[in-house]
């Protein structure tokens, strides 16, 4: 599921780091440094989601395959213009 978002971010040219990469100290799937936004992807609800999202102020959560696919489509379509005025 994370791969769907990663591929969309790459195709859209959005700068990001993945969980576990240098400079990414939070247990969230993606960090978008240009907008200071995190993205967390879940296939199903998880009790730990509340603790994860409490770590940072700006988190987008996509839970469930249809939601992840919709977010990926929005990113690809340019509907996720972070850090840029509309």
Protein backbone atom coordinates (compact mmCIF):
# COMPACT_ATOMS: atom_id res chain seq x y z
CA UNK A 1 0.00 0.00 0.00
CA UNK A 2 2.86 2.38 0.80
CA UNK A 3 4.26 1.67 -2.64
CA UNK A 4 1.14 3.16 -4.27
CA UNK A 5 1.77 6.45 -2.46
CA UNK A 6 5.53 6.34 -3.03
CA UNK A 7 5.08 5.81 -6.77
CA UNK A 8 2.56 8.67 -6.94
CA UNK A 9 4.88 11.03 -5.05
CA UNK A 10 7.75 10.17 -7.39
CA UNK A 11 5.61 10.63 -10.51
CA UNK A 12 4.34 13.98 -9.22
CA UNK A 13 7.84 15.18 -8.34
CA UNK A 14 6.99 15.67 -4.65
CA UNK A 15 10.03 15.61 -2.37
CA UNK A 16 9.74 13.08 0.46
CA UNK A 17 11.58 10.75 2.81
CA UNK A 18 10.37 7.32 3.88
CA UNK A 19 10.20 5.95 7.37
CA UNK A 20 13.64 4.71 8.39
CA UNK A 21 15.60 7.08 6.12
CA UNK A 22 18.04 9.60 7.60
CA UNK A 23 16.24 12.74 8.78
CA UNK A 24 12.97 10.86 9.31
CA UNK A 25 12.76 10.21 13.03
CA UNK A 26 9.02 9.61 13.37
CA UNK A 27 7.26 6.28 12.88
CA UNK A 28 5.12 7.55 10.01
CA UNK A 29 5.37 6.28 6.44
CA UNK A 30 6.30 9.47 4.56
CA UNK A 31 7.57 12.95 5.39
CA UNK A 32 7.19 15.79 2.87
CA UNK A 33 9.77 18.37 3.97
CA UNK A 34 8.66 21.11 1.57
CA UNK A 35 5.31 21.29 3.35
CA UNK A 36 6.15 19.77 6.75
CA UNK A 37 3.39 17.17 6.23
CA UNK A 38 3.48 13.46 7.03
CA UNK A 39 1.49 10.68 5.36
CA UNK A 40 0.55 7.46 7.13
CA UNK A 41 -0.90 4.55 5.17
CA UNK A 42 -2.97 1.80 6.78
CA UNK A 43 -4.62 -1.18 5.15
CA UNK A 44 -6.92 -1.56 8.17
CA UNK A 45 -7.59 0.35 11.37
CA UNK A 46 -4.83 0.01 13.94
CA UNK A 47 -5.03 0.93 17.61
CA UNK A 48 -1.59 2.55 17.36
CA UNK A 49 -2.76 5.17 14.84
CA UNK A 50 -3.67 7.62 17.62
CA UNK A 51 -0.16 7.45 19.08
CA UNK A 52 1.40 7.79 15.63
CA UNK A 53 -0.58 10.86 14.63
CA UNK A 54 -0.06 12.50 18.03
CA UNK A 55 3.71 12.73 17.36
CA UNK A 56 3.43 15.47 14.75
CA UNK A 57 0.93 18.27 14.02
CA UNK A 58 0.36 17.67 10.28
CA UNK A 59 -0.60 14.15 9.22
CA UNK A 60 -2.66 12.80 6.35
CA UNK A 61 -3.92 9.27 7.03
CA UNK A 62 -5.14 7.06 4.22
CA UNK A 63 -6.85 4.00 5.67
CA UNK A 64 -8.11 1.23 3.42
CA UNK A 65 -7.15 0.35 -0.13
CA UNK A 66 -9.78 2.58 -1.81
CA UNK A 67 -8.61 5.57 0.27
CA UNK A 68 -4.95 4.91 -0.56
CA UNK A 69 -5.77 4.57 -4.26
CA UNK A 70 -7.77 7.81 -4.16
CA UNK A 71 -4.93 9.69 -2.45
CA UNK A 72 -2.44 8.33 -4.98
CA UNK A 73 -4.70 9.48 -7.83
CA UNK A 74 -5.00 12.96 -6.30
CA UNK A 75 -1.23 13.19 -5.94
CA UNK A 76 -0.69 12.10 -9.56
CA UNK A 77 -3.30 14.56 -10.82
CA UNK A 78 -1.54 17.46 -9.12
CA UNK A 79 -4.30 17.76 -6.54
CA UNK A 80 -1.69 17.53 -3.83
CA UNK A 81 0.23 20.75 -4.44
CA UNK A 82 1.95 21.03 -1.07
CA UNK A 83 3.81 24.17 -0.21
CA UNK A 84 2.45 25.97 -3.26
CA UNK A 85 -0.27 28.60 -3.21
CA UNK A 86 -3.44 27.72 -5.10
